[in-house]
Amino acid sequence: MHPTEIMEYGLATILFFVIVLASLLFRKSRRKWIYIAAGLYVLLSIGFFMYRPAYIDAQISRKSVELNRYLEQKYPEETWIFKTLPHREDGYAPYNPYVIEVTFANEPDVHYGFMVKRDAIELRSYWSERDSIGELRHWEPIK
């Protein structure tokens, strides 16, 4: 489990206990409603933490389609392979799941990391076994 996840779960738990402890300040008749609100908060928190990986997957697939359209316009004669980060597996939590790795068929030893935003598609990273950047065919200045 990544430290960020531990902090998120801890914050959700602390907020639950704050709600429960705050109920002690109210009369008994109102405590029932606060306990109902605390139970609803727990259900919503569980739903959020369960749904978030599926939401990230949906965003990645939508962004992959947008990136594919962009690459078809920019490099119409070329083929490429997408690789996304397996963000649900252990060990990948510190990496950004929204960076999509692209490997072009005519440059198999170079990998480009693209980030799709609302209004732009940016080259965020690249890595290669080559020594010189000047030899890269699909290199763009990183913003």
C-alpha atoms as a PDB file:
ATOM      1  CA  MET A   1       0.000   0.000   0.000  1.00  0.00           C
ATOM      2  CA  HIS A   2       1.320   3.410  -0.969  1.00  0.00           C
ATOM      3  CA  PRO A   3       1.766   6.110   1.723  1.00  0.00           C
ATOM      4  CA  THR A   4      -0.758   8.337  -0.058  1.00  0.00           C
ATOM      5  CA  GLU A   5      -3.394   5.620   0.232  1.00  0.00           C
ATOM      6  CA  ILE A   6      -2.626   5.203   3.928  1.00  0.00           C
ATOM      7  CA  MET A   7      -3.119   8.947   4.437  1.00  0.00           C
ATOM      8  CA  GLU A   8      -6.405   8.914   2.487  1.00  0.00           C
ATOM      9  CA  TYR A   9      -7.793   5.981   4.495  1.00  0.00           C
ATOM     10  CA  GLY A  10      -6.550   7.533   7.717  1.00  0.00           C
ATOM     11  CA  LEU A  11      -8.183  10.871   6.934  1.00  0.00           C
ATOM     12  CA  ALA A  12     -11.487   9.148   6.131  1.00  0.00           C
ATOM     13  CA  THR A  13     -11.325   7.215   9.409  1.00  0.00           C
ATOM     14  CA  ILE A  14     -10.456  10.287  11.461  1.00  0.00           C
ATOM     15  CA  LEU A  15     -13.345  12.218   9.907  1.00  0.00           C
ATOM     16  CA  PHE A  16     -15.708   9.364  10.809  1.00  0.00           C
ATOM     17  CA  PHE A  17     -14.585   9.441  14.438  1.00  0.00           C
ATOM     18  CA  VAL A  18     -14.902  13.238  14.540  1.00  0.00           C
ATOM     19  CA  ILE A  19     -18.527  12.891  13.403  1.00  0.00           C
ATOM     20  CA  VAL A  20     -19.213  10.209  16.024  1.00  0.00           C
ATOM     21  CA  LEU A  21     -17.524  12.192  18.814  1.00  0.00           C
ATOM     22  CA  ALA A  22     -19.380  15.351  17.776  1.00  0.00           C
ATOM     23  CA  SER A  23     -22.626  13.456  18.276  1.00  0.00           C
ATOM     24  CA  LEU A  24     -21.880  13.373  22.018  1.00  0.00           C
ATOM     25  CA  LEU A  25     -22.395  17.136  22.096  1.00  0.00           C
ATOM     26  CA  PHE A  26     -26.034  16.781  21.020  1.00  0.00           C
ATOM     27  CA  ARG A  27     -29.138  15.518  22.769  1.00  0.00           C
ATOM     28  CA  LYS A  28     -30.009  11.870  22.496  1.00  0.00           C
ATOM     29  CA  SER A  29     -32.837  12.506  20.024  1.00  0.00           C
ATOM     30  CA  ARG A  30     -30.466  14.181  17.556  1.00  0.00           C
ATOM     31  CA  ARG A  31     -27.686  11.627  17.979  1.00  0.00           C
ATOM     32  CA  LYS A  32     -29.670   9.108  15.967  1.00  0.00           C
ATOM     33  CA  TRP A  33     -29.535  11.383  12.922  1.00  0.00           C
ATOM     34  CA  ILE A  34     -25.842  12.011  13.381  1.00  0.00           C
ATOM     35  CA  TYR A  35     -25.214   8.254  13.571  1.00  0.00           C
ATOM     36  CA  ILE A  36     -27.217   7.838  10.376  1.00  0.00           C
ATOM     37  CA  ALA A  37     -25.074  10.561   8.765  1.00  0.00           C
ATOM     38  CA  ALA A  38     -21.913   8.805  10.002  1.00  0.00           C
ATOM     39  CA  GLY A  39     -23.132   5.507   8.527  1.00  0.00           C
ATOM     40  CA  LEU A  40     -23.939   7.228   5.234  1.00  0.00           C
ATOM     41  CA  TYR A  41     -20.444   8.780   5.266  1.00  0.00           C
ATOM     42  CA  VAL A  42     -18.904   5.312   5.731  1.00  0.00           C
ATOM     43  CA  LEU A  43     -20.934   3.917   2.824  1.00  0.00           C
ATOM     44  CA  LEU A  44     -19.984   6.837   0.574  1.00  0.00           C
ATOM     45  CA  SER A  45     -16.301   6.513   1.527  1.00  0.00           C
ATOM     46  CA  ILE A  46     -16.290   2.787   0.791  1.00  0.00           C
ATOM     47  CA  GLY A  47     -18.047   3.447  -2.518  1.00  0.00           C
ATOM     48  CA  PHE A  48     -15.531   6.133  -3.434  1.00  0.00           C
ATOM     49  CA  PHE A  49     -12.484   3.976  -2.674  1.00  0.00           C
ATOM     50  CA  MET A  50     -13.981   1.021  -4.544  1.00  0.00           C
ATOM     51  CA  TYR A  51     -15.054   3.040  -7.612  1.00  0.00           C
ATOM     52  CA  ARG A  52     -11.901   5.137  -8.018  1.00  0.00           C
ATOM     53  CA  PRO A  53      -9.775   2.470  -9.808  1.00  0.00           C
ATOM     54  CA  ALA A  54     -12.610   1.856 -12.304  1.00  0.00           C
ATOM     55  CA  TYR A  55     -12.904   5.612 -12.844  1.00  0.00           C
ATOM     56  CA  ILE A  56      -9.162   5.865 -13.519  1.00  0.00           C
ATOM     57  CA  ASP A  57      -9.449   2.966 -16.004  1.00  0.00           C
ATOM     58  CA  ALA A  58     -12.308   4.740 -17.821  1.00  0.00           C
ATOM     59  CA  GLN A  59     -10.316   7.974 -17.997  1.00  0.00           C
ATOM     60  CA  ILE A  60      -7.258   6.167 -19.344  1.00  0.00           C
ATOM     61  CA  SER A  61      -9.256   4.423 -22.073  1.00  0.00           C
ATOM     62  CA  ARG A  62     -10.895   7.729 -23.093  1.00  0.00           C
ATOM     63  CA  LYS A  63      -7.512   9.450 -23.172  1.00  0.00           C
ATOM     64  CA  SER A  64      -6.030   6.575 -25.203  1.00  0.00           C
ATOM     65  CA  VAL A  65      -8.679   7.125 -27.872  1.00  0.00           C
ATOM     66  CA  GLU A  66      -7.888  10.858 -27.961  1.00  0.00           C
ATOM     67  CA  LEU A  67      -4.154  10.152 -28.163  1.00  0.00           C
ATOM     68  CA  ASN A  68      -4.716   7.647 -30.977  1.00  0.00           C
ATOM     69  CA  ARG A  69      -6.632  10.300 -32.965  1.00  0.00           C
ATOM     70  CA  TYR A  70      -3.854  12.821 -32.339  1.00  0.00           C
ATOM     71  CA  LEU A  71      -1.139  10.407 -33.474  1.00  0.00           C
ATOM     72  CA  GLU A  72      -3.134   9.421 -36.580  1.00  0.00           C
ATOM     73  CA  GLN A  73      -3.262  13.084 -37.583  1.00  0.00           C
ATOM     74  CA  LYS A  74       0.349  13.839 -36.740  1.00  0.00           C
ATOM     75  CA  TYR A  75       1.930  10.603 -38.039  1.00  0.00           C
ATOM     76  CA  PRO A  76      -0.498   9.148 -40.614  1.00  0.00           C
ATOM     77  CA  GLU A  77       1.961   6.694 -42.196  1.00  0.00           C
ATOM     78  CA  GLU A  78       3.177   5.129 -38.955  1.00  0.00           C
ATOM     79  CA  THR A  79       2.039   2.466 -36.514  1.00  0.00           C
ATOM     80  CA  TRP A  80       2.481   2.424 -32.752  1.00  0.00           C
ATOM     81  CA  ILE A  81       1.718   0.471 -29.623  1.00  0.00           C
ATOM     82  CA  PHE A  82       0.159   1.906 -26.463  1.00  0.00           C
ATOM     83  CA  LYS A  83       1.147   0.768 -23.018  1.00  0.00           C
ATOM     84  CA  THR A  84      -0.616   2.001 -19.913  1.00  0.00           C
ATOM     85  CA  LEU A  85       0.496   1.666 -16.340  1.00  0.00           C
ATOM     86  CA  PRO A  86      -1.045  -1.204 -14.348  1.00  0.00           C
ATOM     87  CA  HIS A  87      -2.009   1.187 -11.547  1.00  0.00           C
ATOM     88  CA  ARG A  88      -4.026  -1.464  -9.672  1.00  0.00           C
ATOM     89  CA  GLU A  89      -0.947  -3.620  -9.073  1.00  0.00           C
ATOM     90  CA  ASP A  90       1.415  -3.141  -6.156  1.00  0.00           C
ATOM     91  CA  GLY A  91       4.555  -1.196  -6.896  1.00  0.00           C
ATOM     92  CA  TYR A  92       3.024   1.218  -9.415  1.00  0.00           C
ATOM     93  CA  ALA A  93       1.252   3.578  -7.012  1.00  0.00           C
ATOM     94  CA  PRO A  94       3.899   6.338  -7.084  1.00  0.00           C
ATOM     95  CA  TYR A  95       3.672   6.639 -10.867  1.00  0.00           C
ATOM     96  CA  ASN A  96       1.141   8.731 -12.756  1.00  0.00           C
ATOM     97  CA  PRO A  97      -1.402   6.350 -14.346  1.00  0.00           C
ATOM     98  CA  TYR A  98      -2.477   9.004 -16.853  1.00  0.00           C
ATOM     99  CA  VAL A  99       0.870   9.012 -18.709  1.00  0.00           C
ATOM    100  CA  ILE A 100       0.432   6.736 -21.734  1.00  0.00           C
ATOM    101  CA  GLU A 101       3.549   5.102 -23.146  1.00  0.00           C
ATOM    102  CA  VAL A 102       3.787   4.985 -26.936  1.00  0.00           C
ATOM    103  CA  THR A 103       6.310   2.940 -28.897  1.00  0.00           C
ATOM    104  CA  PHE A 104       6.478   3.524 -32.649  1.00  0.00           C
ATOM    105  CA  ALA A 105       7.093   0.570 -34.981  1.00  0.00           C
ATOM    106  CA  ASN A 106       9.929   2.330 -36.789  1.00  0.00           C
ATOM    107  CA  GLU A 107      11.569   3.269 -33.460  1.00  0.00           C
ATOM    108  CA  PRO A 108      11.118   0.185 -31.255  1.00  0.00           C
ATOM    109  CA  ASP A 109      13.901   1.076 -28.836  1.00  0.00           C
ATOM    110  CA  VAL A 110      12.437   4.494 -27.928  1.00  0.00           C
ATOM    111  CA  HIS A 111       9.425   4.954 -25.647  1.00  0.00           C
ATOM    112  CA  TYR A 112       7.479   8.214 -25.417  1.00  0.00           C
ATOM    113  CA  GLY A 113       5.233   9.152 -22.489  1.00  0.00           C
ATOM    114  CA  PHE A 114       2.244  11.285 -23.505  1.00  0.00           C
ATOM    115  CA  MET A 115      -0.143  13.118 -21.183  1.00  0.00           C
ATOM    116  CA  VAL A 116      -3.619  13.899 -22.488  1.00  0.00           C
ATOM    117  CA  LYS A 117      -5.230  16.948 -20.910  1.00  0.00           C
ATOM    118  CA  ARG A 118      -8.513  18.695 -21.661  1.00  0.00           C
ATOM    119  CA  ASP A 119      -7.098  21.080 -24.220  1.00  0.00           C
ATOM    120  CA  ALA A 120      -3.718  19.634 -25.152  1.00  0.00           C
ATOM    121  CA  ILE A 121      -1.692  16.497 -25.634  1.00  0.00           C
ATOM    122  CA  GLU A 122       1.833  16.831 -24.315  1.00  0.00           C
ATOM    123  CA  LEU A 123       4.941  14.726 -24.594  1.00  0.00           C
ATOM    124  CA  ARG A 124       5.925  14.328 -20.959  1.00  0.00           C
ATOM    125  CA  SER A 125       8.858  11.937 -21.133  1.00  0.00           C
ATOM    126  CA  TYR A 126      10.906   9.688 -23.346  1.00  0.00           C
ATOM    127  CA  TRP A 127      13.532   7.077 -22.709  1.00  0.00           C
ATOM    128  CA  SER A 128      15.790   5.206 -25.027  1.00  0.00           C
ATOM    129  CA  GLU A 129      18.880   3.103 -25.315  1.00  0.00           C
ATOM    130  CA  ARG A 130      20.308   5.670 -27.730  1.00  0.00           C
ATOM    131  CA  ASP A 131      22.732   8.347 -26.637  1.00  0.00           C
ATOM    132  CA  SER A 132      21.600  11.289 -28.751  1.00  0.00           C
ATOM    133  CA  ILE A 133      18.229  13.041 -28.692  1.00  0.00           C
ATOM    134  CA  GLY A 134      18.831  14.351 -32.204  1.00  0.00           C
ATOM    135  CA  GLU A 135      18.399  10.873 -33.606  1.00  0.00           C
ATOM    136  CA  LEU A 136      14.850  10.503 -32.285  1.00  0.00           C
ATOM    137  CA  ARG A 137      12.222  10.727 -35.055  1.00  0.00           C
ATOM    138  CA  HIS A 138       9.195  11.637 -32.925  1.00  0.00           C
ATOM    139  CA  TRP A 139      10.840  13.889 -30.386  1.00  0.00           C
ATOM    140  CA  GLU A 140       9.049  17.104 -29.472  1.00  0.00           C
ATOM    141  CA  PRO A 141      10.257  19.711 -26.990  1.00  0.00           C
ATOM    142  CA  ILE A 142       8.895  18.821 -23.554  1.00  0.00           C
ATOM    143  CA  LYS A 143       6.828  21.627 -22.082  1.00  0.00           C
END
